[in-house]
Structure formats: C-alpha cells, structure tokens
C-alpha cells in the first residue's frame, strides 16, 4: 500500500474485510495531493503474516508523517550498517514490489495489488539484482502470498 493509504487505513479500521481477507480501499483512501489523479477503488489482499498484526496496528498510535517516516528509515538504515543513500519513504513499497516480482507473482497481480494502472510501470522492479540467498529468503518470507 502507499504510505498515505496506510495512514488512512489507521483512521478507518472498517476498510478491513476480515472475512474476505482484503483491505477495501475506497478511491479517496489513496487520494494524492490536489491536482494529481485519483486512483480507483481497489482491494488489497491481506497476507496471513499480516492478518494477526492488524489489531496491534489499530491499537497503536497513527503512523508518523511521511517526513518522519523517511527520517526514521534513513536512521535505521545507518544503524543497520547498510547506508541510507537511496532510502526514502517509498523504499518499503518498492521493496515489496520487487519481492513480488522475484517470487514470480504474475505481473498483472502485482499491478492490481499495488494500484498500478500499467504493466510498464513495473519495468523498474524487474531489474533488481538479488543474490541466490536473498531470493531464497524472499521466497520463504512470501510463501503464503502466492497461495
């Protein structure tokens, strides 16, 4: 999900359709800054690993502003010893998109889950270089996503 969608989800727990295993995002949940296009309504599948964490998400304070999130990511990257160059608030979203490509999830499914309107927008994520060990770990972590 986009960061703004996560923030709006926190304000609207009713977006979660537990029985169906989806988060139903109305078109205004992903609304961007004034003047930008409004994405269509979409449903985001909730992976098994996340389903049990949603109550914790809603019990805790709202996600920080996107600026604070970006600063936190950079600080955590430095603390982890991986450096913060290229780290931004979009890094987590880009990472999961790349991971979905690595596990051979169909491109149309990735686009639908991420709210992309074109397969061409995924070109960037298909060029990510991962080691064999990283690919094995990604496949292990996302095993239930392809089911």
C-alpha atoms as a PDB file:
ATOM      1  CA  UNK A   1       0.000   0.000   0.000  1.00  0.00           C
ATOM      2  CA  UNK A   2       1.053   3.594  -0.467  1.00  0.00           C
ATOM      3  CA  UNK A   3       2.076   5.356   2.720  1.00  0.00           C
ATOM      4  CA  UNK A   4      -0.946   7.682   2.589  1.00  0.00           C
ATOM      5  CA  UNK A   5      -3.158   4.584   2.310  1.00  0.00           C
ATOM      6  CA  UNK A   6      -1.598   3.107   5.444  1.00  0.00           C
ATOM      7  CA  UNK A   7      -2.240   6.372   7.283  1.00  0.00           C
ATOM      8  CA  UNK A   8      -5.873   6.436   6.161  1.00  0.00           C
ATOM      9  CA  UNK A   9      -6.315   2.744   6.988  1.00  0.00           C
ATOM     10  CA  UNK A  10      -5.309   3.518  10.574  1.00  0.00           C
ATOM     11  CA  UNK A  11      -8.147   6.069  10.696  1.00  0.00           C
ATOM     12  CA  UNK A  12     -10.623   3.618   9.131  1.00  0.00           C
ATOM     13  CA  UNK A  13     -10.382   0.070  10.509  1.00  0.00           C
ATOM     14  CA  UNK A  14     -13.670  -0.643   8.727  1.00  0.00           C
ATOM     15  CA  UNK A  15     -11.678  -0.839   5.474  1.00  0.00           C
ATOM     16  CA  UNK A  16     -10.506  -4.287   6.603  1.00  0.00           C
ATOM     17  CA  UNK A  17     -12.828  -7.028   5.393  1.00  0.00           C
ATOM     18  CA  UNK A  18     -11.648  -9.787   7.766  1.00  0.00           C
ATOM     19  CA  UNK A  19     -13.992 -12.484   6.465  1.00  0.00           C
ATOM     20  CA  UNK A  20     -12.793 -11.950   2.898  1.00  0.00           C
ATOM     21  CA  UNK A  21      -9.119 -11.372   3.712  1.00  0.00           C
ATOM     22  CA  UNK A  22      -8.954  -7.983   1.999  1.00  0.00           C
ATOM     23  CA  UNK A  23      -8.499  -4.320   2.747  1.00  0.00           C
ATOM     24  CA  UNK A  24     -11.072  -2.430   0.706  1.00  0.00           C
ATOM     25  CA  UNK A  25      -9.597   0.944  -0.228  1.00  0.00           C
ATOM     26  CA  UNK A  26     -12.184   3.428  -1.472  1.00  0.00           C
ATOM     27  CA  UNK A  27     -10.917   5.834  -4.122  1.00  0.00           C
ATOM     28  CA  UNK A  28     -10.404   8.653  -1.601  1.00  0.00           C
ATOM     29  CA  UNK A  29      -8.142   6.480   0.605  1.00  0.00           C
ATOM     30  CA  UNK A  30      -5.364   6.823  -1.955  1.00  0.00           C
ATOM     31  CA  UNK A  31      -6.121  10.415  -2.895  1.00  0.00           C
ATOM     32  CA  UNK A  32      -2.924  12.267  -3.552  1.00  0.00           C
ATOM     33  CA  UNK A  33      -2.134  15.956  -3.364  1.00  0.00           C
ATOM     34  CA  UNK A  34      -4.503  18.380  -5.042  1.00  0.00           C
ATOM     35  CA  UNK A  35      -4.161  18.334  -8.807  1.00  0.00           C
ATOM     36  CA  UNK A  36      -2.925  14.754  -9.051  1.00  0.00           C
ATOM     37  CA  UNK A  37      -5.091  11.968 -10.399  1.00  0.00           C
ATOM     38  CA  UNK A  38      -7.344   9.983  -8.076  1.00  0.00           C
ATOM     39  CA  UNK A  39      -6.624   6.238  -8.150  1.00  0.00           C
ATOM     40  CA  UNK A  40      -9.588   3.876  -8.481  1.00  0.00           C
ATOM     41  CA  UNK A  41     -11.049   1.906  -5.604  1.00  0.00           C
ATOM     42  CA  UNK A  42      -9.168  -1.345  -5.090  1.00  0.00           C
ATOM     43  CA  UNK A  43      -8.899  -4.318  -2.785  1.00  0.00           C
ATOM     44  CA  UNK A  44      -5.566  -5.297  -1.256  1.00  0.00           C
ATOM     45  CA  UNK A  45      -5.186  -8.921  -0.127  1.00  0.00           C
ATOM     46  CA  UNK A  46      -4.073  -9.341   3.484  1.00  0.00           C
ATOM     47  CA  UNK A  47      -1.290 -11.950   3.697  1.00  0.00           C
ATOM     48  CA  UNK A  48      -1.584 -14.454   6.560  1.00  0.00           C
ATOM     49  CA  UNK A  49       1.516 -12.995   8.209  1.00  0.00           C
ATOM     50  CA  UNK A  50      -0.166  -9.583   8.428  1.00  0.00           C
ATOM     51  CA  UNK A  51      -3.697 -10.621   9.432  1.00  0.00           C
ATOM     52  CA  UNK A  52      -2.718 -11.278  13.046  1.00  0.00           C
ATOM     53  CA  UNK A  53      -0.848  -7.965  13.261  1.00  0.00           C
ATOM     54  CA  UNK A  54      -3.739  -5.718  12.231  1.00  0.00           C
ATOM     55  CA  UNK A  55      -5.286  -5.454  15.738  1.00  0.00           C
ATOM     56  CA  UNK A  56      -1.864  -4.324  17.027  1.00  0.00           C
ATOM     57  CA  UNK A  57      -1.666  -1.765  14.197  1.00  0.00           C
ATOM     58  CA  UNK A  58      -5.024  -0.250  15.141  1.00  0.00           C
ATOM     59  CA  UNK A  59      -4.310  -0.223  18.921  1.00  0.00           C
ATOM     60  CA  UNK A  60      -1.137   1.800  18.488  1.00  0.00           C
ATOM     61  CA  UNK A  61      -0.603   5.452  17.589  1.00  0.00           C
ATOM     62  CA  UNK A  62      -1.115   6.522  13.997  1.00  0.00           C
ATOM     63  CA  UNK A  63       1.810   6.194  11.603  1.00  0.00           C
ATOM     64  CA  UNK A  64       4.037   9.286  11.606  1.00  0.00           C
ATOM     65  CA  UNK A  65       4.090  11.884   8.863  1.00  0.00           C
ATOM     66  CA  UNK A  66       5.806  10.827   5.672  1.00  0.00           C
ATOM     67  CA  UNK A  67       8.712  13.161   6.531  1.00  0.00           C
ATOM     68  CA  UNK A  68       9.261  11.489   9.912  1.00  0.00           C
ATOM     69  CA  UNK A  69       8.929   8.040   8.310  1.00  0.00           C
ATOM     70  CA  UNK A  70      11.654   8.978   5.800  1.00  0.00           C
ATOM     71  CA  UNK A  71      13.987  10.221   8.545  1.00  0.00           C
ATOM     72  CA  UNK A  72      13.351   7.060  10.584  1.00  0.00           C
ATOM     73  CA  UNK A  73      14.132   4.799   7.606  1.00  0.00           C
ATOM     74  CA  UNK A  74      17.396   6.639   6.944  1.00  0.00           C
ATOM     75  CA  UNK A  75      18.398   6.453  10.603  1.00  0.00           C
ATOM     76  CA  UNK A  76      17.563   2.736  10.810  1.00  0.00           C
ATOM     77  CA  UNK A  77      19.494   2.022   7.596  1.00  0.00           C
ATOM     78  CA  UNK A  78      22.555   3.754   9.039  1.00  0.00           C
ATOM     79  CA  UNK A  79      22.211   1.862  12.330  1.00  0.00           C
ATOM     80  CA  UNK A  80      21.941  -1.417  10.408  1.00  0.00           C
ATOM     81  CA  UNK A  81      25.158  -0.573   8.589  1.00  0.00           C
ATOM     82  CA  UNK A  82      23.632  -0.601   5.095  1.00  0.00           C
ATOM     83  CA  UNK A  83      23.816   3.137   4.487  1.00  0.00           C
ATOM     84  CA  UNK A  84      20.954   5.490   3.814  1.00  0.00           C
ATOM     85  CA  UNK A  85      21.706   6.544   0.240  1.00  0.00           C
ATOM     86  CA  UNK A  86      18.612   5.967  -1.882  1.00  0.00           C
ATOM     87  CA  UNK A  87      16.415   5.232   1.151  1.00  0.00           C
ATOM     88  CA  UNK A  88      13.113   7.111   1.067  1.00  0.00           C
ATOM     89  CA  UNK A  89       9.529   6.728   2.278  1.00  0.00           C
ATOM     90  CA  UNK A  90       8.820   4.808  -0.941  1.00  0.00           C
ATOM     91  CA  UNK A  91      11.573   2.262  -0.217  1.00  0.00           C
ATOM     92  CA  UNK A  92       9.323  -0.207   1.596  1.00  0.00           C
ATOM     93  CA  UNK A  93       6.735  -0.167  -1.196  1.00  0.00           C
ATOM     94  CA  UNK A  94       9.408  -0.543  -3.893  1.00  0.00           C
ATOM     95  CA  UNK A  95      10.980  -3.401  -1.955  1.00  0.00           C
ATOM     96  CA  UNK A  96       7.782  -5.412  -1.667  1.00  0.00           C
ATOM     97  CA  UNK A  97       7.033  -4.837  -5.363  1.00  0.00           C
ATOM     98  CA  UNK A  98      10.494  -6.153  -6.252  1.00  0.00           C
ATOM     99  CA  UNK A  99       9.983  -9.128  -3.954  1.00  0.00           C
ATOM    100  CA  UNK A 100       6.656  -9.975  -5.617  1.00  0.00           C
ATOM    101  CA  UNK A 101       8.407  -9.994  -8.994  1.00  0.00           C
ATOM    102  CA  UNK A 102      11.168 -12.264  -7.596  1.00  0.00           C
ATOM    103  CA  UNK A 103       8.650 -14.877  -6.425  1.00  0.00           C
ATOM    104  CA  UNK A 104       7.198 -14.954  -9.936  1.00  0.00           C
ATOM    105  CA  UNK A 105       3.862 -13.452  -8.989  1.00  0.00           C
ATOM    106  CA  UNK A 106       2.077 -12.623 -12.250  1.00  0.00           C
ATOM    107  CA  UNK A 107       2.757  -9.016 -13.281  1.00  0.00           C
ATOM    108  CA  UNK A 108      -0.965  -8.248 -13.609  1.00  0.00           C
ATOM    109  CA  UNK A 109      -1.483  -9.382  -9.999  1.00  0.00           C
ATOM    110  CA  UNK A 110       1.388  -7.187  -8.791  1.00  0.00           C
ATOM    111  CA  UNK A 111      -0.080  -4.195 -10.640  1.00  0.00           C
ATOM    112  CA  UNK A 112      -3.530  -4.807  -9.166  1.00  0.00           C
ATOM    113  CA  UNK A 113      -2.201  -5.210  -5.615  1.00  0.00           C
ATOM    114  CA  UNK A 114      -0.057  -2.102  -5.871  1.00  0.00           C
ATOM    115  CA  UNK A 115      -2.629   0.052  -7.641  1.00  0.00           C
ATOM    116  CA  UNK A 116      -0.592   0.478 -10.825  1.00  0.00           C
ATOM    117  CA  UNK A 117      -2.552   1.248 -13.939  1.00  0.00           C
ATOM    118  CA  UNK A 118       0.041  -0.082 -16.356  1.00  0.00           C
ATOM    119  CA  UNK A 119       2.347  -3.069 -16.604  1.00  0.00           C
ATOM    120  CA  UNK A 120       5.030  -0.735 -17.968  1.00  0.00           C
ATOM    121  CA  UNK A 121       5.208   0.949 -14.567  1.00  0.00           C
ATOM    122  CA  UNK A 122       6.677  -2.306 -13.257  1.00  0.00           C
ATOM    123  CA  UNK A 123       9.747  -2.223 -15.519  1.00  0.00           C
ATOM    124  CA  UNK A 124      11.906  -0.751 -12.781  1.00  0.00           C
ATOM    125  CA  UNK A 125      11.140  -3.539 -10.340  1.00  0.00           C
ATOM    126  CA  UNK A 126      12.062  -6.304 -12.786  1.00  0.00           C
ATOM    127  CA  UNK A 127      15.664  -5.096 -12.942  1.00  0.00           C
ATOM    128  CA  UNK A 128      16.503  -5.537  -9.262  1.00  0.00           C
ATOM    129  CA  UNK A 129      19.575  -7.692  -8.645  1.00  0.00           C
ATOM    130  CA  UNK A 130      19.283 -10.194  -5.789  1.00  0.00           C
ATOM    131  CA  UNK A 131      21.717 -12.940  -4.779  1.00  0.00           C
ATOM    132  CA  UNK A 132      20.563 -16.561  -4.757  1.00  0.00           C
ATOM    133  CA  UNK A 133      20.498 -16.462  -0.946  1.00  0.00           C
ATOM    134  CA  UNK A 134      18.368 -13.304  -0.971  1.00  0.00           C
ATOM    135  CA  UNK A 135      15.948 -14.839  -3.462  1.00  0.00           C
ATOM    136  CA  UNK A 136      15.607 -17.949  -1.285  1.00  0.00           C
ATOM    137  CA  UNK A 137      14.873 -15.761   1.760  1.00  0.00           C
ATOM    138  CA  UNK A 138      12.340 -13.646  -0.168  1.00  0.00           C
ATOM    139  CA  UNK A 139      10.556 -16.800  -1.353  1.00  0.00           C
ATOM    140  CA  UNK A 140      10.456 -18.136   2.211  1.00  0.00           C
ATOM    141  CA  UNK A 141       9.025 -14.891   3.587  1.00  0.00           C
ATOM    142  CA  UNK A 142       6.364 -14.552   0.906  1.00  0.00           C
ATOM    143  CA  UNK A 143       5.428 -18.238   0.621  1.00  0.00           C
ATOM    144  CA  UNK A 144       1.782 -17.664   1.596  1.00  0.00           C
ATOM    145  CA  UNK A 145       1.351 -14.738  -0.813  1.00  0.00           C
ATOM    146  CA  UNK A 146       1.119 -16.908  -3.902  1.00  0.00           C
ATOM    147  CA  UNK A 147      -1.379 -19.340  -2.412  1.00  0.00           C
END
